Amino acid sequence: MSFWIQTGKPTLLEVEEIPDDFAEAIGIIYPPDTEYLILSWNRIPVVVNYSEDLRVFIWDIVELLEGLQDPEFTESHVTTGASSFFAEWWIRRDGAQLIIDSRWSSVVGSYEFLLNERSELTVDAAVFTAEWLKLLRRLVDDMTEKAVRMEDDDLFLRAKALLAASGG
């Protein structure tokens, strides 16, 4: 498979304060030195830090997954924006497939050149969505386990709605 996500079981911290939103909660619940998320892009493993990287672009992922639910979805642009996981993806639908043209600027290990050599990813839209939903399941389950409350829980509720819509 050319695209998959391994969420693992990252360490969870107790959250005593009330974070502003889902992104801040991600940065608080996962310590910086916990297990990494692994994303495989055209068979190249890319590590993503939960607390420092994922929190920066979780909003974009939720918005993308919401967009992919729309049968009229044709294209999107995602910028991850994290300092050690910075990439831009130009996504377009071609039937049941997504064609993603990417530009990688920063990854842990400094092998952006390899990712840029394999920048175009073609993946079944259902597979792409299911892989990201695995990540959302990990995040929602961890937040629920630690009873994290947020000032603004809109993005968290949208993530839960995506999971419910998928039957998960």
Protein backbone atom coordinates (compact mmCIF):
# COMPACT_ATOMS: atom_id res chain seq x y z
CA MET A 1 0.00 0.00 0.00
CA SER A 2 1.38 3.39 -0.96
CA PHE A 3 -0.26 5.29 1.91
CA TRP A 4 -0.91 4.22 5.49
CA ILE A 5 -0.76 5.60 9.00
CA GLN A 6 0.47 3.82 12.12
CA THR A 7 -0.80 5.56 15.22
CA GLY A 8 0.80 3.32 17.85
CA LYS A 9 -0.03 3.91 21.51
CA PRO A 10 1.60 7.18 22.56
CA THR A 11 2.06 8.03 26.22
CA LEU A 12 -0.71 10.16 27.70
CA LEU A 13 -0.31 12.89 30.29
CA GLU A 14 -2.92 14.01 32.77
CA VAL A 15 -4.56 17.24 31.64
CA GLU A 16 -5.36 19.42 34.62
CA GLU A 17 -6.01 22.68 32.81
CA ILE A 18 -8.71 23.33 30.24
CA PRO A 19 -7.07 23.76 26.83
CA ASP A 20 -8.42 26.38 24.43
CA ASP A 21 -9.20 23.86 21.68
CA PHE A 22 -8.51 20.42 20.20
CA ALA A 23 -5.10 21.43 18.82
CA GLU A 24 -3.91 22.74 22.16
CA ALA A 25 -5.28 19.62 23.89
CA ILE A 26 -3.19 17.46 21.54
CA GLY A 27 -0.11 19.47 22.49
CA ILE A 28 -0.82 18.98 26.19
CA ILE A 29 -1.97 15.35 26.37
CA TYR A 30 1.01 13.89 24.46
CA PRO A 31 4.52 14.51 25.78
CA PRO A 32 7.08 15.65 23.18
CA ASP A 33 9.17 12.51 23.70
CA THR A 34 6.39 9.96 23.19
CA GLU A 35 5.99 7.46 20.36
CA TYR A 36 5.69 9.05 16.93
CA LEU A 37 2.91 8.71 14.42
CA ILE A 38 4.26 7.01 11.27
CA LEU A 39 2.89 8.06 7.91
CA SER A 40 3.93 6.05 4.85
CA TRP A 41 4.06 8.14 1.68
CA ASN A 42 4.82 6.09 -1.45
CA ARG A 43 6.49 3.53 0.82
CA ILE A 44 8.65 6.15 2.54
CA PRO A 45 8.05 6.28 6.31
CA VAL A 46 7.65 9.77 7.74
CA VAL A 47 7.60 10.37 11.49
CA VAL A 48 5.21 12.92 12.96
CA ASN A 49 5.39 14.13 16.54
CA TYR A 50 1.96 14.21 18.18
CA SER A 51 2.49 17.15 20.52
CA GLU A 52 4.54 19.40 18.29
CA ASP A 53 3.63 18.56 14.68
CA LEU A 54 0.17 17.02 14.58
CA ARG A 55 -1.39 19.75 16.67
CA VAL A 56 -0.35 22.29 14.02
CA PHE A 57 -2.24 20.70 11.13
CA ILE A 58 -5.09 18.73 12.74
CA TRP A 59 -7.53 21.45 11.68
CA ASP A 60 -6.51 20.96 8.03
CA ILE A 61 -6.96 17.19 8.27
CA VAL A 62 -10.45 17.46 9.75
CA GLU A 63 -11.45 20.00 7.08
CA LEU A 64 -10.02 17.77 4.35
CA LEU A 65 -11.91 14.71 5.61
CA GLU A 66 -15.12 16.73 5.79
CA GLY A 67 -14.55 17.85 2.21
CA LEU A 68 -13.93 14.31 1.02
CA GLN A 69 -17.39 13.34 2.29
CA ASP A 70 -18.92 15.68 -0.27
CA PRO A 71 -19.59 13.89 -3.60
CA GLU A 72 -18.89 17.23 -5.31
CA PHE A 73 -15.34 17.40 -3.87
CA THR A 74 -12.86 18.02 -6.67
CA GLU A 75 -9.73 19.47 -5.10
CA SER A 76 -8.09 20.83 -1.99
CA HIS A 77 -4.79 22.21 -0.75
CA VAL A 78 -3.29 21.27 2.62
CA THR A 79 -0.24 22.81 4.28
CA THR A 80 0.96 20.93 7.33
CA GLY A 81 2.95 23.90 8.62
CA ALA A 82 4.83 22.18 11.45
CA SER A 83 8.53 22.92 11.77
CA SER A 84 9.65 19.28 11.63
CA PHE A 85 6.82 18.13 9.35
CA PHE A 86 6.24 20.75 6.71
CA ALA A 87 4.62 19.71 3.46
CA GLU A 88 2.10 21.00 0.97
CA TRP A 89 -0.38 18.66 -0.70
CA TRP A 90 -2.47 19.53 -3.73
CA ILE A 91 -5.26 16.98 -3.77
CA ARG A 92 -7.67 16.24 -6.59
CA ARG A 93 -10.25 13.54 -7.07
CA ASP A 94 -10.17 11.31 -10.15
CA GLY A 95 -13.12 8.94 -9.82
CA ALA A 96 -12.54 6.79 -6.74
CA GLN A 97 -8.88 7.84 -6.57
CA LEU A 98 -7.14 10.81 -5.05
CA ILE A 99 -4.11 12.16 -6.81
CA ILE A 100 -1.93 14.10 -4.43
CA ASP A 101 0.96 16.20 -5.65
CA SER A 102 3.20 17.09 -2.77
CA ARG A 103 6.11 19.33 -1.92
CA TRP A 104 8.09 18.42 1.20
CA SER A 105 10.14 21.10 2.95
CA SER A 106 10.96 19.57 6.33
CA VAL A 107 10.78 16.11 7.92
CA VAL A 108 12.60 14.47 10.81
CA GLY A 109 15.71 12.87 9.31
CA SER A 110 16.09 15.47 6.53
CA TYR A 111 15.18 13.22 3.60
CA GLU A 112 12.77 15.64 1.93
CA PHE A 113 14.63 15.08 -1.35
CA LEU A 114 13.47 11.44 -1.39
CA LEU A 115 9.86 12.39 -0.67
CA ASN A 116 10.03 15.06 -3.39
CA GLU A 117 11.35 12.45 -5.86
CA ARG A 118 8.17 10.46 -5.11
CA SER A 119 5.93 13.46 -4.67
CA GLU A 120 2.87 12.21 -6.54
CA LEU A 121 0.71 9.79 -4.60
CA THR A 122 -2.30 8.02 -6.09
CA VAL A 123 -4.50 6.40 -3.47
CA ASP A 124 -8.07 5.17 -3.23
CA ALA A 125 -10.09 7.93 -1.56
CA ALA A 126 -11.71 5.41 0.82
CA VAL A 127 -8.29 4.09 1.91
CA PHE A 128 -6.90 7.60 2.40
CA THR A 129 -9.94 8.57 4.47
CA ALA A 130 -9.87 5.36 6.53
CA GLU A 131 -6.20 5.87 7.41
CA TRP A 132 -6.81 9.42 8.68
CA LEU A 133 -9.89 8.23 10.56
CA LYS A 134 -7.65 5.75 12.43
CA LEU A 135 -5.71 8.75 13.66
CA LEU A 136 -8.85 10.64 14.63
CA ARG A 137 -10.03 7.53 16.52
CA ARG A 138 -6.73 7.49 18.47
CA LEU A 139 -7.05 11.20 19.33
CA VAL A 140 -10.73 11.05 20.31
CA ASP A 141 -10.24 7.90 22.38
CA ASP A 142 -7.24 9.39 24.19
CA MET A 143 -9.05 12.66 24.92
CA THR A 144 -12.05 10.70 26.20
CA GLU A 145 -9.89 8.41 28.34
CA LYS A 146 -8.30 11.40 30.04
CA ALA A 147 -11.63 13.30 30.23
CA VAL A 148 -10.14 16.34 28.50
CA ARG A 149 -12.51 19.31 28.37
CA MET A 150 -11.85 22.20 26.01
CA GLU A 151 -12.95 25.83 25.96
CA ASP A 152 -13.77 25.50 22.26
CA ASP A 153 -14.55 21.88 21.41
CA ASP A 154 -15.83 22.53 17.87
CA LEU A 155 -12.98 20.75 16.08
CA PHE A 156 -13.11 17.85 18.53
CA LEU A 157 -16.86 17.46 17.94
CA ARG A 158 -16.30 17.64 14.17
CA ALA A 159 -13.72 14.84 14.48
CA LYS A 160 -16.22 12.78 16.47
CA ALA A 161 -18.88 13.44 13.82
CA LEU A 162 -16.53 12.19 11.09
CA LEU A 163 -16.00 9.01 13.07
CA ALA A 164 -19.74 8.57 13.62
CA ALA A 165 -20.46 9.13 9.92
CA SER A 166 -17.95 6.41 9.04
CA GLY A 167 -19.60 3.96 11.39
CA GLY A 168 -16.69 4.08 13.79
